[in-house]
N, C-alpha and C. Protein backbone atom coordinates (compact mmCIF):
# COMPACT_ATOMS: atom_id res chain seq x y z
N MET A 1 118.56 81.87 109.93
CA MET A 1 118.58 83.69 110.05
C MET A 1 117.26 84.24 109.72
N ALA A 2 117.60 84.85 110.29
CA ALA A 2 116.83 86.28 110.36
C ALA A 2 116.19 86.71 108.98
N ASN A 3 114.91 86.74 109.01
CA ASN A 3 114.22 87.43 107.77
C ASN A 3 114.60 88.81 107.43
N SER A 4 114.38 89.40 106.91
CA SER A 4 114.31 91.03 106.56
C SER A 4 113.33 91.38 106.47
N ARG A 5 113.13 93.12 107.21
CA ARG A 5 111.90 93.33 107.56
C ARG A 5 110.33 93.12 106.14
N PHE A 6 111.64 93.59 104.88
CA PHE A 6 110.99 93.04 103.65
C PHE A 6 110.08 91.73 103.85
N GLU A 7 111.00 90.87 103.85
CA GLU A 7 111.11 89.86 103.15
C GLU A 7 109.18 88.96 104.53
N THR A 8 109.61 89.93 106.00
CA THR A 8 108.03 89.45 106.64
C THR A 8 106.85 90.05 106.26
N ARG A 9 107.34 91.30 106.24
CA ARG A 9 106.74 92.35 105.33
C ARG A 9 105.65 91.50 104.15
N ARG A 10 106.26 90.78 102.73
CA ARG A 10 106.30 90.42 101.92
C ARG A 10 105.13 89.27 102.43
N ARG A 11 105.48 88.44 103.51
CA ARG A 11 105.07 87.04 103.65
C ARG A 11 103.40 87.47 104.38
N ARG A 12 103.50 88.78 105.24
CA ARG A 12 101.62 89.00 105.89
C ARG A 12 100.80 89.77 104.77
N LYS A 13 101.47 90.11 103.87
CA LYS A 13 100.71 90.68 102.71
C LYS A 13 100.25 88.95 101.98
N LYS A 14 101.01 88.20 101.92
CA LYS A 14 100.31 87.41 101.02
C LYS A 14 99.77 86.75 101.25
N ARG A 15 99.36 86.60 103.37
CA ARG A 15 98.66 85.60 103.87
C ARG A 15 97.21 86.93 103.66
N ILE A 16 97.55 88.12 104.02
CA ILE A 16 96.48 88.68 103.28
C ILE A 16 95.62 88.79 102.44
N ARG A 17 96.38 88.70 101.34
CA ARG A 17 96.04 88.50 99.88
C ARG A 17 94.79 87.25 99.40
N LYS A 18 95.26 86.67 100.59
CA LYS A 18 94.31 85.19 100.36
C LYS A 18 93.25 85.23 100.82
N LYS A 19 92.73 86.34 101.87
CA LYS A 19 91.41 86.90 101.96
C LYS A 19 90.88 87.89 101.55
N VAL A 20 91.33 88.56 100.93
CA VAL A 20 91.39 90.16 100.95
C VAL A 20 91.23 90.41 99.04
N SER A 21 90.08 90.60 98.72
CA SER A 21 90.32 90.33 97.52
C SER A 21 89.29 91.63 96.65
N GLY A 22 89.38 92.53 95.19
CA GLY A 22 88.40 93.37 94.77
C GLY A 22 87.63 92.87 94.10
N THR A 23 86.13 93.43 94.45
CA THR A 23 85.31 92.94 93.36
C THR A 23 84.79 94.65 92.60
N SER A 24 83.69 94.61 91.44
CA SER A 24 83.52 95.82 91.08
C SER A 24 82.97 96.64 92.36
N GLU A 25 81.58 95.77 92.68
CA GLU A 25 80.97 96.10 93.66
C GLU A 25 81.58 96.77 95.23
N ARG A 26 82.23 96.18 95.39
CA ARG A 26 83.30 96.86 96.71
C ARG A 26 85.18 96.37 96.12
N PRO A 27 85.87 97.21 95.40
CA PRO A 27 87.06 97.72 95.34
C PRO A 27 87.73 97.32 96.37
N ARG A 28 88.91 97.14 96.25
CA ARG A 28 89.71 96.86 97.30
C ARG A 28 91.04 98.22 97.38
N LEU A 29 90.99 99.07 98.96
CA LEU A 29 91.65 99.91 98.81
C LEU A 29 93.16 100.11 99.24
N THR A 30 94.18 99.60 98.56
CA THR A 30 94.93 99.51 99.38
C THR A 30 96.37 100.74 99.45
N VAL A 31 97.21 100.58 100.13
CA VAL A 31 98.10 101.66 100.95
C VAL A 31 99.41 100.61 100.43
N PHE A 32 99.98 102.01 99.95
CA PHE A 32 101.72 101.53 99.94
C PHE A 32 102.42 102.49 101.13
N ARG A 33 103.22 102.31 101.75
CA ARG A 33 103.93 103.68 102.89
C ARG A 33 105.89 103.63 102.56
N SER A 34 105.78 104.45 102.19
CA SER A 34 107.71 104.16 102.16
C SER A 34 108.13 105.28 103.16
N ASN A 35 109.34 105.77 103.42
CA ASN A 35 109.64 106.16 104.32
C ASN A 35 109.09 107.73 104.30
N LYS A 36 108.84 108.01 103.42
CA LYS A 36 108.93 109.39 102.72
C LYS A 36 107.08 110.15 102.43
N HIS A 37 106.56 109.25 101.41
CA HIS A 37 105.48 109.62 101.20
C HIS A 37 104.55 108.13 101.65
N ILE A 38 103.19 108.74 100.98
CA ILE A 38 102.51 107.53 101.13
C ILE A 38 101.64 107.57 100.29
N TYR A 39 101.26 106.29 99.21
CA TYR A 39 99.95 106.38 98.50
C TYR A 39 98.89 105.19 98.78
N ALA A 40 98.11 105.62 98.19
CA ALA A 40 96.55 104.86 98.14
C ALA A 40 95.67 104.66 96.75
N GLN A 41 95.40 103.48 96.58
CA GLN A 41 94.63 103.45 95.55
C GLN A 41 93.65 102.19 95.14
N VAL A 42 92.53 102.66 94.60
CA VAL A 42 91.68 101.34 94.72
C VAL A 42 91.43 101.11 93.24
N VAL A 43 91.25 99.32 93.44
CA VAL A 43 91.66 98.14 92.40
C VAL A 43 90.53 97.47 92.68
N ASP A 44 89.77 97.04 91.18
CA ASP A 44 89.21 96.22 90.97
C ASP A 44 89.90 94.86 90.97
N ASP A 45 90.22 94.21 91.25
CA ASP A 45 91.01 93.25 90.66
C ASP A 45 90.56 91.94 89.91
N ALA A 46 88.47 92.38 90.05
CA ALA A 46 88.49 91.01 88.49
C ALA A 46 89.19 91.77 87.19
N THR A 47 88.66 93.03 87.19
CA THR A 47 89.27 93.72 85.97
C THR A 47 90.74 93.90 85.98
N ALA A 48 91.35 93.69 87.26
CA ALA A 48 92.99 94.24 87.50
C ALA A 48 92.97 95.34 86.97
N SER A 49 92.03 96.24 87.39
CA SER A 49 92.46 97.55 87.15
C SER A 49 92.40 99.14 88.36
N ALA A 50 93.03 99.82 87.73
CA ALA A 50 93.36 100.72 89.71
C ALA A 50 92.23 101.46 88.47
N LEU A 51 91.42 101.86 89.87
CA LEU A 51 89.56 102.79 89.91
C LEU A 51 89.93 104.45 90.10
N ALA A 52 90.91 104.85 91.12
CA ALA A 52 91.11 105.66 91.42
C ALA A 52 92.65 105.83 92.36
N ALA A 53 93.55 106.95 92.61
CA ALA A 53 94.20 106.57 92.87
C ALA A 53 95.08 108.02 94.06
N ALA A 54 95.67 108.24 94.98
CA ALA A 54 96.00 109.52 95.43
C ALA A 54 97.67 109.01 95.80
N SER A 55 98.12 110.49 95.82
CA SER A 55 99.61 110.29 97.25
C SER A 55 99.32 111.50 97.91
N ASP A 56 100.45 111.28 98.64
CA ASP A 56 101.10 112.81 99.07
C ASP A 56 101.43 113.98 98.20
N LEU A 57 101.74 113.16 97.07
CA LEU A 57 102.42 113.94 96.12
C LEU A 57 101.99 114.95 95.32
N LYS A 58 100.42 114.41 95.07
CA LYS A 58 99.97 115.10 94.37
C LYS A 58 99.06 115.74 95.06
N VAL A 59 98.58 115.62 96.22
CA VAL A 59 97.39 116.52 97.43
C VAL A 59 98.88 117.67 98.13
N GLU A 60 98.41 118.73 98.20
CA GLU A 60 99.19 119.78 99.29
C GLU A 60 99.34 119.37 100.20
N THR A 61 100.41 119.03 100.42
CA THR A 61 101.24 119.07 102.12
C THR A 61 102.13 119.72 102.21
N ALA A 62 102.62 119.96 101.67
CA ALA A 62 103.66 121.77 101.98
C ALA A 62 103.28 121.33 103.80
N ASP A 63 104.83 121.22 104.69
CA ASP A 63 104.74 121.74 106.08
C ASP A 63 104.08 120.69 106.89
N MET A 64 103.64 119.97 105.92
CA MET A 64 103.14 118.65 107.10
C MET A 64 103.27 117.74 107.79
N ASP A 65 103.34 116.79 108.84
CA ASP A 65 104.36 115.87 108.69
C ASP A 65 103.50 114.90 108.31
N LYS A 66 104.00 113.77 108.54
CA LYS A 66 103.80 111.96 107.79
C LYS A 66 101.95 111.48 108.29
N THR A 67 101.65 112.34 109.09
CA THR A 67 100.42 111.73 109.80
C THR A 67 99.57 112.33 109.25
N ALA A 68 100.07 113.65 109.55
CA ALA A 68 99.24 114.96 108.36
C ALA A 68 99.04 114.81 107.12
N ARG A 69 99.99 113.77 106.56
CA ARG A 69 99.82 113.60 105.24
C ARG A 69 99.06 112.55 104.76
N ALA A 70 98.78 111.98 105.80
CA ALA A 70 98.26 110.53 105.72
C ALA A 70 96.86 110.87 105.31
N LYS A 71 96.34 111.65 106.28
CA LYS A 71 94.82 111.93 106.62
C LYS A 71 94.62 112.78 105.14
N ALA A 72 95.53 113.60 104.87
CA ALA A 72 94.72 114.12 103.31
C ALA A 72 94.83 112.96 102.30
N VAL A 73 95.77 112.59 101.86
CA VAL A 73 95.80 111.07 100.91
C VAL A 73 94.13 110.40 101.15
N GLY A 74 94.06 110.01 102.61
CA GLY A 74 92.65 109.33 103.04
C GLY A 74 91.64 109.97 102.12
N ALA A 75 91.58 111.35 102.89
CA ALA A 75 90.20 112.40 102.18
C ALA A 75 90.72 112.81 100.62
N ALA A 76 91.52 112.71 100.23
CA ALA A 76 91.71 112.50 98.38
C ALA A 76 91.14 111.63 97.99
N ILE A 77 92.10 110.20 98.31
CA ILE A 77 91.55 108.84 97.70
C ILE A 77 89.56 108.75 98.06
N ALA A 78 89.37 109.37 99.46
CA ALA A 78 87.21 109.01 99.49
C ALA A 78 86.42 110.24 98.30
N SER A 79 87.31 111.33 98.04
CA SER A 79 86.77 111.76 97.43
C SER A 79 86.82 111.81 96.03
N ALA A 80 87.36 111.32 95.57
CA ALA A 80 88.48 110.52 93.85
C ALA A 80 86.75 109.26 93.74
N CYS A 81 87.44 108.12 95.34
CA CYS A 81 85.93 107.39 94.95
C CYS A 81 84.55 107.40 94.81
N LEU A 82 83.91 109.21 95.71
CA LEU A 82 82.70 109.05 95.49
C LEU A 82 82.56 110.23 94.75
N ASP A 83 83.50 110.56 94.11
CA ASP A 83 83.47 111.11 92.36
C ASP A 83 83.12 110.03 91.74
N LYS A 84 83.02 109.44 91.55
CA LYS A 84 83.04 107.65 90.88
C LYS A 84 82.05 106.71 90.97
N GLY A 85 81.34 107.20 92.12
CA GLY A 85 80.19 106.12 92.83
C GLY A 85 80.90 105.31 93.41
N ILE A 86 81.91 105.08 93.89
CA ILE A 86 82.24 103.79 94.93
C ILE A 86 81.98 104.77 96.17
N LYS A 87 80.97 103.77 96.85
CA LYS A 87 80.88 103.86 98.35
C LYS A 87 81.76 103.25 100.05
N LYS A 88 81.60 101.86 98.94
CA LYS A 88 82.31 100.31 99.71
C LYS A 88 83.25 100.03 99.54
N VAL A 89 84.23 99.61 100.28
CA VAL A 89 85.53 99.10 99.72
C VAL A 89 85.90 98.35 100.54
N VAL A 90 86.90 97.92 100.61
CA VAL A 90 87.20 96.55 101.69
C VAL A 90 89.48 97.04 101.35
N PHE A 91 89.15 97.47 102.32
CA PHE A 91 90.70 98.21 103.11
C PHE A 91 91.99 97.07 102.70
N ASP A 92 92.75 97.02 102.47
CA ASP A 92 94.27 96.03 102.17
C ASP A 92 95.06 96.97 102.57
N ARG A 93 95.36 96.94 104.31
CA ARG A 93 97.32 97.22 104.34
C ARG A 93 98.32 97.08 103.78
N ASN A 94 98.14 95.66 103.44
CA ASN A 94 99.36 95.62 102.48
C ASN A 94 100.51 95.40 103.67
N GLY A 95 100.37 95.05 104.30
CA GLY A 95 101.24 93.85 105.21
C GLY A 95 101.53 94.58 106.68
N TYR A 96 101.65 95.67 106.49
CA TYR A 96 101.59 97.22 107.58
C TYR A 96 100.86 96.71 108.30
N ALA A 97 101.45 97.10 109.95
CA ALA A 97 100.68 97.28 110.64
C ALA A 97 99.42 98.44 111.18
N TYR A 98 98.11 97.96 111.22
CA TYR A 98 97.17 99.32 111.41
C TYR A 98 96.97 100.21 112.73
N HIS A 99 98.28 100.96 112.16
CA HIS A 99 98.12 102.36 113.43
C HIS A 99 99.59 102.99 112.50
N GLY A 100 99.64 104.51 112.78
CA GLY A 100 100.12 105.28 113.02
C GLY A 100 99.50 106.05 111.65
N ARG A 101 100.61 106.03 110.00
CA ARG A 101 100.01 106.58 109.23
C ARG A 101 98.69 105.52 108.34
N ILE A 102 99.36 104.52 108.77
CA ILE A 102 98.13 103.69 107.99
C ILE A 102 96.37 103.86 108.46
N ASN A 103 96.75 103.79 109.82
CA ASN A 103 95.26 104.03 110.69
C ASN A 103 94.73 105.42 110.07
N ALA A 104 95.97 106.44 110.17
CA ALA A 104 94.86 107.60 109.56
C ALA A 104 94.43 107.69 108.65
N LEU A 105 95.17 107.40 107.96
CA LEU A 105 94.48 107.73 106.23
C LEU A 105 93.33 106.44 106.30
N ALA A 106 93.04 105.41 106.85
CA ALA A 106 91.67 105.06 107.04
C ALA A 106 90.70 105.75 107.86
N ALA A 107 91.31 105.89 108.65
CA ALA A 107 90.17 106.37 109.78
C ALA A 107 89.94 108.18 108.76
N ALA A 108 90.55 108.88 107.92
CA ALA A 108 89.99 109.90 107.18
C ALA A 108 89.44 109.24 105.87
N ALA A 109 89.51 107.91 105.34
CA ALA A 109 89.02 107.91 104.25
C ALA A 109 87.53 107.71 105.24
N ARG A 110 87.53 107.57 105.94
CA ARG A 110 85.90 106.85 106.90
C ARG A 110 85.18 108.42 106.95
N GLU A 111 86.11 109.26 107.77
CA GLU A 111 85.15 110.63 107.73
C GLU A 111 84.73 111.24 106.50
N ALA A 112 85.37 110.41 105.71
CA ALA A 112 84.76 111.85 104.52
C ALA A 112 84.41 110.68 103.24
N GLY A 113 83.53 109.40 103.59
CA GLY A 113 82.40 108.86 103.17
C GLY A 113 82.51 107.86 103.06
N LEU A 114 83.91 106.66 102.70
CA LEU A 114 83.65 105.52 102.59
C LEU A 114 83.93 104.50 103.67
N GLU A 115 82.79 103.35 103.03
CA GLU A 115 82.20 102.39 104.21
C GLU A 115 83.42 101.43 103.89
N PHE A 116 83.86 101.14 104.88
CA PHE A 116 84.87 99.44 105.28
C PHE A 116 84.87 98.64 106.29
């Protein structure tokens, strides 16, 4: 029987999370993508705390397509991290393919000054 898309993404996510974890020196930048919105947060897995977060609900994204919203969220999460003194992160694509909105968010975060 074929697995659902959710189940296959969950398996990819588990595989990725075995290798990727955030520390206090390099926290994890994780991305969640829904059909309408995109969310990003920076997590320190050692203390299990979120250090910064951004989403297209909080960023002015009126009259933008989804890719442009992802770019705005990438710039917002980068500026939030740089304000808190975080320059290096580990990128966690959360089981999603690295293209489209995920790629746009990552590229915008890099352009804004984050290193990963």
